[in-house]
Amino acid sequence: MAVDKKHIVSIRFTEAEYQPYEKLMTELGIGKTEFFRALILSRFDKVDMPEKKEKPTPDFKKCLFYFNKSSNNLNQIAYRLNKENLNGIISDSLVRKCLFELVSIREILQGALKK
């Protein structure tokens, strides 16, 4: 009776990363699936597992959402300031003052994320 293999695992390599494996597969005369399954299953206990990443808290996710939203709004304001300045609607000094304030806001937001 055939074993039901229902879990699919995908991986992508650069050309340089893939080249040594391709050579081995050709020498052994086996396909990718068979080769990588054997490789992974035979070395599983010898692999140095990376440290478990901490999952972001819901509060951090919410803060990041608002940070991204604010960042987008700051970019829209800067775009509009530059556009209006090029059209002669607002002065260079006002644009510089506003951009200075936008940079200050950006730095405050970035500082909050680093904490």
N, C-alpha and C. Protein backbone atom coordinates (compact mmCIF):
# COMPACT_ATOMS: atom_id res chain seq x y z
N MET A 1 0.84 -1.18 0.00
CA MET A 1 0.00 0.00 0.00
C MET A 1 0.89 1.25 0.00
N ALA A 2 0.56 2.24 -0.81
CA ALA A 2 1.33 3.47 -0.93
C ALA A 2 1.14 4.34 0.30
N VAL A 3 2.20 5.04 0.68
CA VAL A 3 2.14 5.96 1.81
C VAL A 3 1.55 7.28 1.31
N ASP A 4 0.60 7.81 2.07
CA ASP A 4 -0.04 9.06 1.70
C ASP A 4 0.86 10.24 2.07
N LYS A 5 1.42 10.89 1.06
CA LYS A 5 2.30 12.04 1.29
C LYS A 5 1.54 13.29 0.89
N LYS A 6 0.93 13.93 1.87
CA LYS A 6 0.07 15.07 1.56
C LYS A 6 0.67 16.43 1.92
N HIS A 7 1.82 16.46 2.56
CA HIS A 7 2.43 17.73 2.95
C HIS A 7 3.49 18.12 1.94
N ILE A 8 3.30 19.27 1.32
CA ILE A 8 4.21 19.76 0.29
C ILE A 8 5.12 20.82 0.90
N VAL A 9 6.41 20.72 0.63
CA VAL A 9 7.39 21.69 1.11
C VAL A 9 8.11 22.25 -0.11
N SER A 10 8.15 23.57 -0.23
CA SER A 10 8.82 24.22 -1.36
C SER A 10 10.03 24.98 -0.87
N ILE A 11 11.02 25.08 -1.74
CA ILE A 11 12.23 25.83 -1.41
C ILE A 11 12.79 26.41 -2.70
N ARG A 12 13.39 27.58 -2.61
CA ARG A 12 14.00 28.22 -3.77
C ARG A 12 15.48 28.43 -3.47
N PHE A 13 16.31 28.21 -4.51
CA PHE A 13 17.74 28.40 -4.40
C PHE A 13 18.21 29.39 -5.46
N THR A 14 19.32 30.06 -5.18
CA THR A 14 19.99 30.81 -6.24
C THR A 14 20.72 29.80 -7.11
N GLU A 15 21.18 30.24 -8.25
CA GLU A 15 21.90 29.32 -9.15
C GLU A 15 23.13 28.76 -8.45
N ALA A 16 23.85 29.61 -7.72
CA ALA A 16 25.07 29.18 -7.02
C ALA A 16 24.75 28.17 -5.91
N GLU A 17 23.65 28.37 -5.20
CA GLU A 17 23.27 27.45 -4.13
C GLU A 17 22.84 26.10 -4.69
N TYR A 18 22.16 26.12 -5.82
CA TYR A 18 21.60 24.90 -6.40
C TYR A 18 22.64 24.04 -7.12
N GLN A 19 23.65 24.65 -7.67
CA GLN A 19 24.62 23.97 -8.52
C GLN A 19 25.23 22.70 -7.89
N PRO A 20 25.74 22.73 -6.64
CA PRO A 20 26.33 21.50 -6.08
C PRO A 20 25.31 20.36 -5.95
N TYR A 21 24.06 20.69 -5.62
CA TYR A 21 23.03 19.67 -5.49
C TYR A 21 22.67 19.08 -6.85
N GLU A 22 22.62 19.95 -7.84
CA GLU A 22 22.30 19.49 -9.20
C GLU A 22 23.34 18.48 -9.67
N LYS A 23 24.60 18.76 -9.38
CA LYS A 23 25.68 17.85 -9.77
C LYS A 23 25.51 16.49 -9.09
N LEU A 24 25.21 16.51 -7.79
CA LEU A 24 25.00 15.26 -7.06
C LEU A 24 23.81 14.48 -7.60
N MET A 25 22.71 15.16 -7.89
CA MET A 25 21.52 14.49 -8.41
C MET A 25 21.82 13.82 -9.75
N THR A 26 22.60 14.50 -10.59
CA THR A 26 22.97 13.94 -11.89
C THR A 26 23.83 12.70 -11.70
N GLU A 27 24.81 12.79 -10.81
CA GLU A 27 25.71 11.65 -10.55
C GLU A 27 24.94 10.46 -9.99
N LEU A 28 23.98 10.72 -9.11
CA LEU A 28 23.20 9.65 -8.49
C LEU A 28 22.06 9.16 -9.39
N GLY A 29 21.69 9.98 -10.36
CA GLY A 29 20.60 9.61 -11.26
C GLY A 29 19.23 9.63 -10.61
N ILE A 30 19.03 10.58 -9.68
CA ILE A 30 17.72 10.69 -9.01
C ILE A 30 17.17 12.10 -9.19
N GLY A 31 15.87 12.23 -8.98
CA GLY A 31 15.19 13.52 -9.13
C GLY A 31 15.30 14.38 -7.90
N LYS A 32 14.80 15.60 -8.05
CA LYS A 32 14.86 16.58 -6.96
C LYS A 32 14.12 16.10 -5.72
N THR A 33 12.89 15.63 -5.90
CA THR A 33 12.07 15.24 -4.75
C THR A 33 12.75 14.13 -3.96
N GLU A 34 13.18 13.09 -4.64
CA GLU A 34 13.82 11.96 -3.97
C GLU A 34 15.11 12.40 -3.28
N PHE A 35 15.90 13.24 -3.97
CA PHE A 35 17.17 13.69 -3.42
C PHE A 35 16.98 14.52 -2.16
N PHE A 36 16.13 15.54 -2.24
CA PHE A 36 15.98 16.43 -1.09
C PHE A 36 15.24 15.77 0.07
N ARG A 37 14.33 14.85 -0.22
CA ARG A 37 13.67 14.11 0.86
C ARG A 37 14.71 13.29 1.61
N ALA A 38 15.57 12.57 0.88
CA ALA A 38 16.61 11.76 1.52
C ALA A 38 17.59 12.63 2.30
N LEU A 39 17.95 13.75 1.71
CA LEU A 39 18.89 14.66 2.36
C LEU A 39 18.32 15.20 3.67
N ILE A 40 17.10 15.67 3.63
CA ILE A 40 16.49 16.26 4.82
C ILE A 40 16.24 15.21 5.90
N LEU A 41 15.65 14.10 5.51
CA LEU A 41 15.32 13.08 6.52
C LEU A 41 16.55 12.43 7.12
N SER A 42 17.64 12.31 6.37
CA SER A 42 18.84 11.68 6.91
C SER A 42 19.66 12.62 7.79
N ARG A 43 19.49 13.90 7.65
CA ARG A 43 20.30 14.86 8.40
C ARG A 43 19.51 15.64 9.45
N PHE A 44 18.26 15.31 9.64
CA PHE A 44 17.42 16.10 10.53
C PHE A 44 18.00 16.21 11.94
N ASP A 45 18.53 15.12 12.48
CA ASP A 45 19.05 15.15 13.85
C ASP A 45 20.41 15.84 13.94
N LYS A 46 21.05 16.13 12.81
CA LYS A 46 22.37 16.75 12.81
C LYS A 46 22.33 18.24 12.50
N VAL A 47 21.15 18.76 12.28
CA VAL A 47 21.00 20.16 11.89
C VAL A 47 21.02 21.05 13.12
N ASP A 48 21.80 22.15 13.05
CA ASP A 48 21.77 23.15 14.11
C ASP A 48 20.56 24.03 13.85
N MET A 49 19.54 23.85 14.66
CA MET A 49 18.30 24.59 14.48
C MET A 49 18.50 26.04 14.91
N PRO A 50 17.97 26.99 14.13
CA PRO A 50 18.06 28.40 14.54
C PRO A 50 17.22 28.64 15.79
N GLU A 51 17.55 29.70 16.50
CA GLU A 51 16.79 30.03 17.70
C GLU A 51 15.35 30.35 17.33
N LYS A 52 14.46 29.96 18.21
CA LYS A 52 13.04 30.22 17.98
C LYS A 52 12.79 31.72 18.05
N LYS A 53 12.11 32.23 17.03
CA LYS A 53 11.80 33.65 16.99
C LYS A 53 10.61 33.93 17.90
N GLU A 54 10.70 35.04 18.58
CA GLU A 54 9.57 35.46 19.42
C GLU A 54 8.46 35.99 18.53
N LYS A 55 7.24 35.58 18.82
CA LYS A 55 6.11 36.09 18.05
C LYS A 55 5.79 37.49 18.54
N PRO A 56 5.52 38.40 17.60
CA PRO A 56 5.16 39.76 18.03
C PRO A 56 3.84 39.76 18.80
N THR A 57 3.79 40.58 19.81
CA THR A 57 2.57 40.68 20.61
C THR A 57 1.50 41.41 19.81
N PRO A 58 0.24 41.22 20.17
CA PRO A 58 -0.83 41.97 19.48
C PRO A 58 -0.63 43.48 19.59
N ASP A 59 -0.13 43.96 20.73
CA ASP A 59 0.12 45.39 20.88
C ASP A 59 1.20 45.86 19.90
N PHE A 60 2.25 45.06 19.73
CA PHE A 60 3.31 45.44 18.80
C PHE A 60 2.77 45.45 17.37
N LYS A 61 1.97 44.45 17.02
CA LYS A 61 1.38 44.41 15.68
C LYS A 61 0.51 45.64 15.42
N LYS A 62 -0.26 46.02 16.42
CA LYS A 62 -1.12 47.19 16.28
C LYS A 62 -0.27 48.46 16.14
N CYS A 63 0.78 48.56 16.93
CA CYS A 63 1.69 49.71 16.87
C CYS A 63 2.35 49.77 15.49
N LEU A 64 2.78 48.62 14.98
CA LEU A 64 3.42 48.56 13.66
C LEU A 64 2.44 48.97 12.57
N PHE A 65 1.18 48.55 12.70
CA PHE A 65 0.15 48.93 11.74
C PHE A 65 0.01 50.45 11.70
N TYR A 66 -0.09 51.07 12.87
CA TYR A 66 -0.24 52.53 12.92
C TYR A 66 1.03 53.25 12.45
N PHE A 67 2.19 52.67 12.74
CA PHE A 67 3.44 53.23 12.26
C PHE A 67 3.45 53.25 10.73
N ASN A 68 3.10 52.11 10.12
CA ASN A 68 3.07 52.04 8.65
C ASN A 68 2.06 53.00 8.05
N LYS A 69 0.91 53.10 8.70
CA LYS A 69 -0.12 54.03 8.23
C LYS A 69 0.37 55.48 8.33
N SER A 70 1.01 55.81 9.44
CA SER A 70 1.55 57.15 9.63
C SER A 70 2.66 57.44 8.62
N SER A 71 3.50 56.46 8.39
CA SER A 71 4.59 56.62 7.43
C SER A 71 4.05 56.92 6.04
N ASN A 72 3.01 56.22 5.66
CA ASN A 72 2.38 56.47 4.36
C ASN A 72 1.82 57.89 4.30
N ASN A 73 1.18 58.32 5.37
CA ASN A 73 0.62 59.68 5.41
C ASN A 73 1.73 60.74 5.33
N LEU A 74 2.85 60.50 6.01
CA LEU A 74 3.97 61.44 5.95
C LEU A 74 4.52 61.55 4.53
N ASN A 75 4.60 60.40 3.84
CA ASN A 75 5.07 60.42 2.45
C ASN A 75 4.11 61.20 1.56
N GLN A 76 2.82 61.04 1.79
CA GLN A 76 1.83 61.77 0.99
C GLN A 76 1.94 63.28 1.23
N ILE A 77 2.16 63.66 2.48
CA ILE A 77 2.31 65.09 2.80
C ILE A 77 3.56 65.64 2.13
N ALA A 78 4.67 64.92 2.23
CA ALA A 78 5.92 65.38 1.60
C ALA A 78 5.76 65.49 0.09
N TYR A 79 5.10 64.54 -0.51
CA TYR A 79 4.85 64.59 -1.96
C TYR A 79 4.05 65.84 -2.33
N ARG A 80 3.00 66.07 -1.57
CA ARG A 80 2.12 67.22 -1.85
C ARG A 80 2.86 68.54 -1.65
N LEU A 81 3.69 68.61 -0.60
CA LEU A 81 4.48 69.83 -0.37
C LEU A 81 5.40 70.11 -1.55
N ASN A 82 6.10 69.09 -2.00
CA ASN A 82 7.01 69.27 -3.13
C ASN A 82 6.26 69.66 -4.40
N LYS A 83 5.14 69.03 -4.63
CA LYS A 83 4.34 69.32 -5.83
C LYS A 83 3.85 70.77 -5.81
N GLU A 84 3.30 71.18 -4.65
CA GLU A 84 2.77 72.55 -4.54
C GLU A 84 3.90 73.58 -4.64
N ASN A 85 5.08 73.22 -4.12
CA ASN A 85 6.22 74.13 -4.23
C ASN A 85 6.67 74.29 -5.67
N LEU A 86 6.70 73.18 -6.42
CA LEU A 86 7.08 73.26 -7.84
C LEU A 86 6.08 74.08 -8.65
N ASN A 87 4.82 74.04 -8.24
CA ASN A 87 3.79 74.82 -8.93
C ASN A 87 3.74 76.27 -8.46
N GLY A 88 4.59 76.64 -7.49
CA GLY A 88 4.67 78.02 -7.02
C GLY A 88 3.56 78.40 -6.05
N ILE A 89 2.86 77.43 -5.51
CA ILE A 89 1.75 77.73 -4.60
C ILE A 89 2.27 78.02 -3.18
N ILE A 90 3.33 77.32 -2.77
CA ILE A 90 3.91 77.59 -1.45
C ILE A 90 5.40 77.89 -1.62
N SER A 91 5.97 78.62 -0.65
CA SER A 91 7.35 79.08 -0.75
C SER A 91 8.35 78.00 -0.35
N ASP A 92 9.59 78.19 -0.77
CA ASP A 92 10.67 77.27 -0.40
C ASP A 92 10.87 77.22 1.11
N SER A 93 10.77 78.37 1.77
CA SER A 93 11.00 78.39 3.22
C SER A 93 9.91 77.60 3.95
N LEU A 94 8.67 77.68 3.49
CA LEU A 94 7.58 76.92 4.12
C LEU A 94 7.79 75.42 3.89
N VAL A 95 8.22 75.05 2.69
CA VAL A 95 8.49 73.64 2.39
C VAL A 95 9.59 73.11 3.30
N ARG A 96 10.68 73.86 3.44
CA ARG A 96 11.78 73.43 4.31
C ARG A 96 11.31 73.27 5.75
N LYS A 97 10.52 74.22 6.23
CA LYS A 97 10.01 74.15 7.60
C LYS A 97 9.13 72.92 7.79
N CYS A 98 8.24 72.67 6.85
CA CYS A 98 7.34 71.51 6.94
C CYS A 98 8.11 70.19 6.85
N LEU A 99 9.07 70.13 5.93
CA LEU A 99 9.86 68.91 5.79
C LEU A 99 10.69 68.63 7.05
N PHE A 100 11.18 69.71 7.66
CA PHE A 100 11.91 69.55 8.93
C PHE A 100 10.99 68.93 9.99
N GLU A 101 9.76 69.39 10.06
CA GLU A 101 8.80 68.85 11.02
C GLU A 101 8.47 67.38 10.70
N LEU A 102 8.34 67.06 9.41
CA LEU A 102 8.06 65.67 9.01
C LEU A 102 9.21 64.74 9.41
N VAL A 103 10.44 65.23 9.24
CA VAL A 103 11.60 64.43 9.64
C VAL A 103 11.59 64.22 11.15
N SER A 104 11.22 65.23 11.91
CA SER A 104 11.13 65.10 13.37
C SER A 104 10.10 64.06 13.77
N ILE A 105 8.96 64.07 13.11
CA ILE A 105 7.90 63.09 13.39
C ILE A 105 8.40 61.68 13.06
N ARG A 106 9.08 61.55 11.90
CA ARG A 106 9.61 60.25 11.51
C ARG A 106 10.58 59.72 12.55
N GLU A 107 11.46 60.57 13.06
CA GLU A 107 12.45 60.15 14.06
C GLU A 107 11.78 59.72 15.36
N ILE A 108 10.72 60.40 15.75
CA ILE A 108 9.97 60.02 16.95
C ILE A 108 9.35 58.64 16.76
N LEU A 109 8.75 58.42 15.59
CA LEU A 109 8.13 57.12 15.31
C LEU A 109 9.17 56.00 15.28
N GLN A 110 10.30 56.25 14.65
CA GLN A 110 11.35 55.24 14.61
C GLN A 110 11.90 54.94 15.99
N GLY A 111 12.03 55.96 16.81
CA GLY A 111 12.50 55.76 18.18
C GLY A 111 11.53 54.91 18.98
N ALA A 112 10.24 55.09 18.75
CA ALA A 112 9.24 54.30 19.47
C ALA A 112 9.32 52.83 19.08
N LEU A 113 9.63 52.54 17.83
CA LEU A 113 9.72 51.14 17.38
C LEU A 113 10.95 50.44 17.95
N LYS A 114 12.01 51.18 18.23
CA LYS A 114 13.24 50.57 18.73
C LYS A 114 13.14 50.17 20.20
N LYS A 115 12.16 50.71 20.89
CA LYS A 115 12.02 50.42 22.33
C LYS A 115 11.45 49.05 22.56
